[in-house]
Amino acid sequence: MPTAQVWRGSGKIMPISRQEKDISQIEFTRSNEVSQSIEAFLNDSYTDGFLVMADGYIVHESYHNGMRPETPHLMQSVSKSITSTVTGIMIGRGDLDTSALVKTYIPELAETAWAGATLQHVLDMTTGVQYSEEYTRLDSDVGKTDVASGWRPIAPDASPDIDWPASVWDQILSLKTCDAEHGTRFLYRSIETDLLAHIMMRVSGLPLHKLISQELWQPMGA
């Protein structure tokens, strides 16, 4: 899967003080009403890294399953929070307008189902664009996103009739149908965040990893 390094810059690292404690045997009640220690939960959930902060201090930090503090780790949908945070920075600075139609920033979207959607609709995941985030079907829309992003290969038994997008951008442009009016419903869809990234890249002229470095990683002393 293609990756890119987000540079932390050459400035000082912001220190975080520690007041570490052994919390491994603290017990809590899970949603199934079963009591379990933190240590047992971390083992059962195959957790790779666990950090607890309280009152500005790191009180616990541990790594498991071969992970170390410096090991790169898949972020999954944490990337949605990072992407939207950078979007918020650009909105606050006046580079982006939440009420603007997304086609204002990317004219190519005028020929797609995104044409009448605003930036706020995309941020809120309330566009009416037809897109299925159905993880159990490998040929669903999100399944096509997985293939387009290099997340996984096309399944050997996939139907030859499926039109697989060559990139996430190609998939964004291929979505031509709305199944709801923009702003009338919320659906969690990864493609909305992908579109946010493309809007920011178009406006800033920077690839996403450099934009995150410039606007977030470097200023916060990551």
Protein backbone atom coordinates (compact mmCIF):
# COMPACT_ATOMS: atom_id res chain seq x y z
CA MET A 1 0.00 0.00 0.00
CA PRO A 2 1.49 3.41 -0.93
CA THR A 3 2.48 5.55 2.05
CA ALA A 4 4.04 8.97 2.64
CA GLN A 5 6.02 10.34 5.57
CA VAL A 6 4.55 13.28 7.47
CA TRP A 7 7.58 15.36 8.43
CA ARG A 8 7.59 16.64 11.98
CA GLY A 9 9.89 19.54 11.11
CA SER A 10 13.20 20.55 12.66
CA GLY A 11 11.80 22.40 15.66
CA LYS A 12 11.76 21.30 19.27
CA ILE A 13 9.56 18.42 20.31
CA MET A 14 6.87 19.50 22.74
CA PRO A 15 7.63 17.56 25.95
CA ILE A 16 4.87 15.71 27.78
CA SER A 17 5.48 15.06 31.46
CA ARG A 18 4.99 11.62 32.94
CA GLN A 19 3.47 10.37 36.17
CA GLU A 20 3.39 6.69 35.29
CA LYS A 21 1.44 4.17 37.32
CA ASP A 22 0.72 0.47 37.03
CA ILE A 23 -2.86 0.34 35.81
CA SER A 24 -2.75 -3.21 34.40
CA GLN A 25 -4.91 -4.75 37.14
CA ILE A 26 -7.54 -2.03 37.28
CA GLU A 27 -10.87 -3.69 36.49
CA PHE A 28 -13.83 -2.28 34.62
CA THR A 29 -17.20 -3.60 33.50
CA ARG A 30 -17.57 -4.11 29.77
CA SER A 31 -20.75 -3.55 27.78
CA ASN A 32 -21.59 -7.25 28.19
CA GLU A 33 -21.56 -6.75 31.99
CA VAL A 34 -18.36 -8.83 32.35
CA SER A 35 -15.66 -7.47 34.66
CA GLN A 36 -12.17 -7.49 33.17
CA SER A 37 -8.74 -6.06 33.96
CA ILE A 38 -7.08 -3.61 31.59
CA GLU A 39 -4.27 -6.09 31.01
CA ALA A 40 -6.71 -8.85 30.02
CA PHE A 41 -8.63 -6.50 27.77
CA LEU A 42 -5.47 -5.41 25.93
CA ASN A 43 -4.59 -9.05 25.33
CA ASP A 44 -8.09 -10.06 24.24
CA SER A 45 -8.45 -7.10 21.88
CA TYR A 46 -5.02 -7.57 20.26
CA THR A 47 -4.17 -3.98 21.13
CA ASP A 48 -0.78 -2.91 19.76
CA GLY A 49 -0.29 0.31 21.70
CA PHE A 50 -2.03 1.86 24.68
CA LEU A 51 -1.46 5.34 26.14
CA VAL A 52 -3.42 7.04 28.90
CA MET A 53 -3.19 10.75 29.66
CA ALA A 54 -4.72 12.47 32.67
CA ASP A 55 -4.43 16.13 33.65
CA GLY A 56 -1.72 16.70 31.04
CA TYR A 57 0.46 13.78 32.18
CA ILE A 58 1.17 10.41 30.61
CA VAL A 59 0.16 7.93 33.31
CA HIS A 60 0.57 4.79 31.21
CA GLU A 61 2.23 3.86 27.93
CA SER A 62 2.75 0.31 26.71
CA TYR A 63 3.30 -1.55 23.44
CA HIS A 64 2.37 -5.10 22.50
CA ASN A 65 2.54 -7.66 19.69
CA GLY A 66 6.02 -6.59 18.62
CA MET A 67 5.22 -2.89 18.45
CA ARG A 68 7.59 -0.20 19.71
CA PRO A 69 7.14 3.58 20.18
CA GLU A 70 8.85 4.27 16.86
CA THR A 71 7.01 1.59 14.85
CA PRO A 72 4.73 2.98 12.11
CA HIS A 73 1.18 1.77 12.66
CA LEU A 74 -1.94 1.77 10.56
CA MET A 75 -4.17 4.66 11.64
CA GLN A 76 -7.40 3.52 10.03
CA SER A 77 -10.14 6.11 10.53
CA VAL A 78 -8.08 8.22 12.92
CA SER A 79 -7.00 9.75 9.61
CA LYS A 80 -10.52 11.20 9.35
CA SER A 81 -9.90 13.23 12.51
CA ILE A 82 -6.54 14.44 11.22
CA THR A 83 -7.93 15.37 7.82
CA SER A 84 -10.91 17.25 9.26
CA THR A 85 -8.67 19.06 11.76
CA VAL A 86 -6.52 20.42 8.94
CA THR A 87 -9.72 21.35 7.11
CA GLY A 88 -10.79 23.30 10.19
CA ILE A 89 -7.48 25.17 10.22
CA MET A 90 -7.95 26.15 6.59
CA ILE A 91 -11.55 27.23 7.27
CA GLY A 92 -10.44 29.34 10.23
CA ARG A 93 -7.83 31.03 8.07
CA GLY A 94 -10.35 31.78 5.35
CA ASP A 95 -8.89 29.43 2.75
CA LEU A 96 -12.12 27.40 2.70
CA ASP A 97 -15.77 28.36 3.13
CA THR A 98 -18.13 25.79 4.65
CA SER A 99 -21.10 27.22 2.71
CA ALA A 100 -19.36 26.99 -0.67
CA LEU A 101 -20.31 24.28 -3.13
CA VAL A 102 -17.51 21.75 -3.47
CA LYS A 103 -17.53 22.26 -7.23
CA THR A 104 -16.29 25.80 -6.51
CA TYR A 105 -12.99 24.28 -5.43
CA ILE A 106 -12.94 21.36 -7.86
CA PRO A 107 -14.84 22.27 -11.05
CA GLU A 108 -14.73 18.65 -12.26
CA LEU A 109 -17.28 17.81 -9.55
CA ALA A 110 -19.96 19.72 -11.49
CA GLU A 111 -20.45 16.61 -13.61
CA THR A 112 -20.88 14.31 -10.60
CA ALA A 113 -23.40 13.68 -7.82
CA TRP A 114 -21.35 16.02 -5.62
CA ALA A 115 -22.39 19.04 -7.75
CA GLY A 116 -24.94 20.47 -5.30
CA ALA A 117 -23.10 19.54 -2.10
CA THR A 118 -21.43 22.14 0.11
CA LEU A 119 -18.19 21.74 2.01
CA GLN A 120 -20.28 21.55 5.20
CA HIS A 121 -22.25 18.61 3.79
CA VAL A 122 -18.99 16.77 3.11
CA LEU A 123 -17.62 17.59 6.57
CA ASP A 124 -20.84 16.34 8.20
CA MET A 125 -21.08 13.26 5.93
CA THR A 126 -24.56 14.37 4.92
CA THR A 127 -24.22 14.46 1.15
CA GLY A 128 -26.83 12.56 -0.82
CA VAL A 129 -24.24 10.85 -2.99
CA GLN A 130 -24.98 7.16 -3.47
CA TYR A 131 -22.09 5.24 -1.88
CA SER A 132 -22.24 2.01 0.11
CA GLU A 133 -19.91 1.59 3.11
CA GLU A 134 -20.67 -2.13 3.25
CA TYR A 135 -17.58 -3.91 4.56
CA THR A 136 -18.82 -7.46 4.14
CA ARG A 137 -19.15 -7.09 0.37
CA LEU A 138 -15.79 -6.84 -1.36
CA ASP A 139 -17.42 -5.31 -4.45
CA SER A 140 -19.30 -2.60 -2.52
CA ASP A 141 -18.36 1.04 -3.05
CA VAL A 142 -16.02 1.02 -0.04
CA GLY A 143 -14.60 -2.26 -1.34
CA LYS A 144 -13.75 -0.46 -4.56
CA THR A 145 -12.15 2.31 -2.50
CA ASP A 146 -9.97 -0.32 -0.80
CA VAL A 147 -8.73 -1.54 -4.17
CA ALA A 148 -8.32 1.96 -5.60
CA SER A 149 -6.20 3.07 -2.64
CA GLY A 150 -3.95 0.01 -2.79
CA TRP A 151 -5.38 -1.34 0.45
CA ARG A 152 -6.00 -4.76 -1.06
CA PRO A 153 -5.92 -6.44 -4.47
CA ILE A 154 -8.98 -7.35 -6.49
CA ALA A 155 -10.31 -10.67 -5.20
CA PRO A 156 -9.49 -13.59 -7.54
CA ASP A 157 -13.14 -14.60 -7.70
CA ALA A 158 -14.43 -11.07 -8.38
CA SER A 159 -16.84 -10.70 -11.26
CA PRO A 160 -15.15 -9.57 -14.48
CA ASP A 161 -18.09 -7.22 -15.03
CA ILE A 162 -17.15 -4.97 -12.09
CA ASP A 163 -15.69 -1.61 -13.06
CA TRP A 164 -12.80 -1.14 -10.65
CA PRO A 165 -11.56 2.48 -10.31
CA ALA A 166 -7.86 3.04 -10.94
CA SER A 167 -7.61 5.54 -8.07
CA VAL A 168 -9.75 7.06 -5.34
CA TRP A 169 -9.93 10.25 -7.41
CA ASP A 170 -11.31 8.25 -10.33
CA GLN A 171 -13.91 6.76 -8.03
CA ILE A 172 -14.94 10.19 -6.72
CA LEU A 173 -15.50 11.38 -10.29
CA SER A 174 -17.42 8.20 -11.15
CA LEU A 175 -20.15 8.78 -8.56
CA LYS A 176 -22.98 10.27 -10.60
CA THR A 177 -26.11 9.35 -8.62
CA CYS A 178 -27.75 10.78 -5.51
CA ASP A 179 -30.10 8.66 -3.41
CA ALA A 180 -31.04 11.51 -1.05
CA GLU A 181 -31.10 15.28 -1.00
CA HIS A 182 -27.85 16.81 0.23
CA GLY A 183 -28.02 17.65 3.92
CA THR A 184 -31.02 15.48 4.76
CA ARG A 185 -29.30 12.40 6.22
CA PHE A 186 -26.08 11.29 7.88
CA LEU A 187 -24.20 8.24 6.66
CA TYR A 188 -20.67 7.32 7.68
CA ARG A 189 -18.75 7.10 4.39
CA SER A 190 -14.98 7.13 3.95
CA ILE A 191 -15.24 8.67 0.50
CA GLU A 192 -16.38 11.97 2.06
CA THR A 193 -13.03 12.31 3.85
CA ASP A 194 -11.20 11.36 0.67
CA LEU A 195 -12.99 14.20 -1.09
CA LEU A 196 -12.05 16.61 1.72
CA ALA A 197 -8.40 15.70 1.17
CA HIS A 198 -8.66 16.39 -2.56
CA ILE A 199 -10.33 19.76 -1.92
CA MET A 200 -7.55 20.79 0.47
CA MET A 201 -4.86 19.65 -1.93
CA ARG A 202 -6.46 21.54 -4.80
CA VAL A 203 -6.75 24.77 -2.78
CA SER A 204 -3.32 24.59 -1.13
CA GLY A 205 -1.38 23.15 -4.04
CA LEU A 206 0.26 20.69 -1.63
CA PRO A 207 -0.01 16.91 -1.31
CA LEU A 208 -1.89 15.86 1.81
CA HIS A 209 1.13 14.61 3.78
CA LYS A 210 2.93 17.93 3.31
CA LEU A 211 -0.19 19.86 4.24
CA ILE A 212 -0.59 17.86 7.46
CA SER A 213 3.09 18.44 8.25
CA GLN A 214 2.83 22.18 7.62
CA GLU A 215 -0.46 22.83 9.40
CA LEU A 216 -0.47 20.30 12.24
CA TRP A 217 2.62 18.19 12.89
CA GLN A 218 5.20 20.99 12.88
CA PRO A 219 3.20 23.63 14.82
CA MET A 220 2.28 21.20 17.61
CA GLY A 221 5.82 19.86 18.02
CA ALA A 222 4.96 16.29 17.07
